[in-house]
N, C-alpha and C. Protein backbone atom coordinates (compact mmCIF):
# COMPACT_ATOMS: atom_id res chain seq x y z
N UNK A 1 10.32 2.77 -0.91
CA UNK A 1 10.35 1.88 -2.05
C UNK A 1 9.63 0.60 -1.65
N UNK A 2 8.70 0.24 -2.48
CA UNK A 2 7.87 -0.91 -2.14
C UNK A 2 8.31 -2.19 -2.83
N UNK A 3 8.83 -2.08 -4.06
CA UNK A 3 9.15 -3.29 -4.80
C UNK A 3 10.40 -3.08 -5.65
N UNK A 4 11.23 -4.10 -5.72
CA UNK A 4 12.42 -4.10 -6.56
C UNK A 4 12.37 -5.37 -7.39
N UNK A 5 12.60 -5.23 -8.70
CA UNK A 5 12.55 -6.40 -9.58
C UNK A 5 13.87 -7.17 -9.52
N UNK A 6 13.84 -8.38 -10.04
CA UNK A 6 15.07 -9.17 -10.12
C UNK A 6 15.97 -8.59 -11.21
N UNK A 7 17.18 -9.07 -11.34
CA UNK A 7 18.13 -8.57 -12.33
C UNK A 7 17.77 -9.06 -13.73
N UNK A 8 17.99 -8.20 -14.72
CA UNK A 8 17.71 -8.52 -16.12
C UNK A 8 18.92 -8.15 -16.96
N UNK A 9 18.94 -8.64 -18.20
CA UNK A 9 19.99 -8.30 -19.16
C UNK A 9 19.92 -6.80 -19.41
N UNK A 10 21.06 -6.18 -19.62
CA UNK A 10 21.13 -4.72 -19.76
C UNK A 10 20.23 -4.19 -20.87
N UNK A 11 20.10 -4.89 -21.97
CA UNK A 11 19.34 -4.38 -23.12
C UNK A 11 17.82 -4.52 -22.97
N UNK A 12 17.33 -5.05 -21.87
CA UNK A 12 15.90 -5.22 -21.66
C UNK A 12 15.29 -3.88 -21.25
N UNK A 13 14.24 -3.46 -21.97
CA UNK A 13 13.60 -2.18 -21.70
C UNK A 13 12.82 -2.24 -20.39
N UNK A 14 12.79 -1.13 -19.65
CA UNK A 14 12.12 -1.06 -18.35
C UNK A 14 10.64 -1.45 -18.43
N UNK A 15 9.96 -1.01 -19.48
CA UNK A 15 8.52 -1.30 -19.59
C UNK A 15 8.28 -2.79 -19.79
N UNK A 16 9.14 -3.45 -20.53
CA UNK A 16 9.01 -4.90 -20.71
C UNK A 16 9.18 -5.62 -19.37
N UNK A 17 10.13 -5.16 -18.57
CA UNK A 17 10.33 -5.73 -17.23
C UNK A 17 9.09 -5.49 -16.38
N UNK A 18 8.55 -4.28 -16.43
CA UNK A 18 7.37 -3.92 -15.64
C UNK A 18 6.18 -4.83 -15.99
N UNK A 19 6.01 -5.15 -17.28
CA UNK A 19 4.90 -6.01 -17.70
C UNK A 19 5.12 -7.45 -17.27
N UNK A 20 6.37 -7.90 -17.15
CA UNK A 20 6.66 -9.27 -16.77
C UNK A 20 6.53 -9.50 -15.27
N UNK A 21 6.71 -8.46 -14.48
CA UNK A 21 6.63 -8.56 -13.02
C UNK A 21 5.17 -8.54 -12.56
N UNK A 22 4.96 -8.81 -11.28
CA UNK A 22 3.61 -8.72 -10.72
C UNK A 22 3.14 -7.28 -10.74
N UNK A 23 1.80 -7.11 -10.82
CA UNK A 23 1.24 -5.76 -10.77
C UNK A 23 1.50 -5.13 -9.42
N UNK A 24 1.64 -3.82 -9.41
CA UNK A 24 1.78 -3.08 -8.16
C UNK A 24 0.41 -2.96 -7.51
N UNK A 25 0.32 -2.67 -6.22
CA UNK A 25 -0.98 -2.58 -5.55
C UNK A 25 -1.90 -1.58 -6.26
N UNK A 26 -3.19 -1.92 -6.35
CA UNK A 26 -4.16 -1.09 -7.07
C UNK A 26 -4.32 0.29 -6.47
N UNK A 27 -4.20 0.41 -5.16
CA UNK A 27 -4.44 1.70 -4.52
C UNK A 27 -3.22 2.61 -4.52
N UNK A 28 -2.09 2.15 -5.04
CA UNK A 28 -0.88 3.00 -5.06
C UNK A 28 -0.86 3.87 -6.32
N UNK A 29 -0.28 5.05 -6.20
CA UNK A 29 -0.11 5.94 -7.34
C UNK A 29 1.25 5.66 -7.94
N UNK A 30 1.27 5.45 -9.25
CA UNK A 30 2.50 5.07 -9.93
C UNK A 30 2.95 6.22 -10.83
N UNK A 31 4.10 6.81 -10.56
CA UNK A 31 4.67 7.88 -11.38
C UNK A 31 5.65 7.26 -12.35
N UNK A 32 5.50 7.59 -13.63
CA UNK A 32 6.36 7.01 -14.66
C UNK A 32 6.72 8.08 -15.69
N UNK A 33 7.74 7.78 -16.50
CA UNK A 33 8.09 8.71 -17.57
C UNK A 33 7.47 8.25 -18.88
N UNK A 34 7.77 8.94 -19.97
CA UNK A 34 7.11 8.65 -21.24
C UNK A 34 7.46 7.27 -21.80
N UNK A 35 8.48 6.63 -21.29
CA UNK A 35 8.83 5.28 -21.73
C UNK A 35 7.81 4.24 -21.30
N UNK A 36 6.91 4.61 -20.41
CA UNK A 36 5.90 3.68 -19.90
C UNK A 36 4.53 3.93 -20.50
N UNK A 37 4.45 4.58 -21.67
CA UNK A 37 3.17 4.79 -22.32
C UNK A 37 2.55 3.43 -22.62
N UNK A 38 1.29 3.28 -22.28
CA UNK A 38 0.61 2.00 -22.44
C UNK A 38 0.39 1.32 -21.10
N UNK A 39 1.14 1.71 -20.10
CA UNK A 39 0.97 1.13 -18.77
C UNK A 39 -0.36 1.55 -18.18
N UNK A 40 -0.85 2.72 -18.59
CA UNK A 40 -2.13 3.21 -18.09
C UNK A 40 -3.27 2.27 -18.49
N UNK A 41 -3.10 1.54 -19.58
CA UNK A 41 -4.12 0.58 -20.01
C UNK A 41 -4.07 -0.71 -19.18
N UNK A 42 -2.92 -0.99 -18.58
CA UNK A 42 -2.74 -2.22 -17.82
C UNK A 42 -3.07 -2.05 -16.34
N UNK A 43 -2.82 -0.87 -15.79
CA UNK A 43 -3.05 -0.62 -14.37
C UNK A 43 -3.68 0.75 -14.16
N UNK A 44 -4.30 0.93 -13.02
CA UNK A 44 -4.91 2.22 -12.71
C UNK A 44 -3.94 3.10 -11.93
N UNK A 45 -4.25 4.38 -11.87
CA UNK A 45 -3.49 5.39 -11.12
C UNK A 45 -2.04 5.51 -11.59
N UNK A 46 -1.82 5.44 -12.91
CA UNK A 46 -0.50 5.64 -13.47
C UNK A 46 -0.43 7.09 -13.96
N UNK A 47 0.56 7.83 -13.51
CA UNK A 47 0.70 9.24 -13.86
C UNK A 47 1.95 9.40 -14.73
N UNK A 48 1.73 9.83 -15.98
CA UNK A 48 2.83 10.12 -16.90
C UNK A 48 2.75 11.61 -17.21
N UNK A 49 3.80 12.37 -16.93
CA UNK A 49 3.73 13.82 -17.14
C UNK A 49 3.60 14.19 -18.61
N UNK A 50 2.99 15.36 -18.84
CA UNK A 50 2.88 15.89 -20.19
C UNK A 50 4.23 16.42 -20.64
N UNK A 51 4.48 16.33 -21.93
CA UNK A 51 5.75 16.79 -22.47
C UNK A 51 5.55 18.10 -23.23
N UNK A 52 6.45 19.02 -23.05
CA UNK A 52 6.43 20.29 -23.75
C UNK A 52 7.29 20.16 -25.00
N UNK A 53 6.77 20.62 -26.12
CA UNK A 53 7.52 20.61 -27.36
C UNK A 53 7.92 22.03 -27.73
N UNK A 54 8.95 22.17 -28.51
CA UNK A 54 9.46 23.49 -28.86
C UNK A 54 8.39 24.36 -29.52
N UNK A 55 7.64 23.81 -30.45
CA UNK A 55 6.64 24.59 -31.15
C UNK A 55 5.25 24.45 -30.56
N UNK A 56 5.12 23.68 -29.50
CA UNK A 56 3.81 23.49 -28.88
C UNK A 56 3.97 23.51 -27.35
N UNK A 57 3.98 24.70 -26.75
CA UNK A 57 4.15 24.77 -25.29
C UNK A 57 2.93 24.22 -24.56
N UNK A 58 3.12 23.91 -23.30
CA UNK A 58 2.01 23.40 -22.49
C UNK A 58 0.99 24.49 -22.21
N UNK A 59 -0.26 24.08 -22.15
CA UNK A 59 -1.33 25.02 -21.80
C UNK A 59 -1.29 25.27 -20.29
N UNK A 60 -1.88 26.35 -19.82
CA UNK A 60 -1.91 26.60 -18.37
C UNK A 60 -2.55 25.45 -17.58
N UNK A 61 -3.56 24.80 -18.16
CA UNK A 61 -4.20 23.66 -17.48
C UNK A 61 -3.22 22.51 -17.27
N UNK A 62 -2.41 22.24 -18.28
CA UNK A 62 -1.43 21.14 -18.17
C UNK A 62 -0.34 21.48 -17.16
N UNK A 63 0.06 22.76 -17.08
CA UNK A 63 1.04 23.19 -16.08
C UNK A 63 0.52 22.90 -14.68
N UNK A 64 -0.74 23.23 -14.46
CA UNK A 64 -1.34 23.01 -13.14
C UNK A 64 -1.36 21.52 -12.81
N UNK A 65 -1.72 20.68 -13.78
CA UNK A 65 -1.76 19.23 -13.53
C UNK A 65 -0.38 18.68 -13.22
N UNK A 66 0.66 19.20 -13.86
CA UNK A 66 2.02 18.73 -13.58
C UNK A 66 2.47 19.11 -12.17
N UNK A 67 1.96 20.19 -11.64
CA UNK A 67 2.37 20.66 -10.32
C UNK A 67 1.67 19.93 -9.19
N UNK A 68 0.61 19.19 -9.48
CA UNK A 68 -0.12 18.47 -8.42
C UNK A 68 0.58 17.22 -7.98
């Protein structure tokens, strides 16, 4: 673990906290969930996994990307 943020009010969303804190190092790979959509526009090397929907399964290409 490289960085821990200060304490915030419980109702503050994680992405809002992430935007208020300093940027993470440019060369680090950042894994995030779908709550961080938009972070890819602010920093590089942000990986948000693809989501499978009931009526729209993932393609084989997306499965491979999730496994990397």
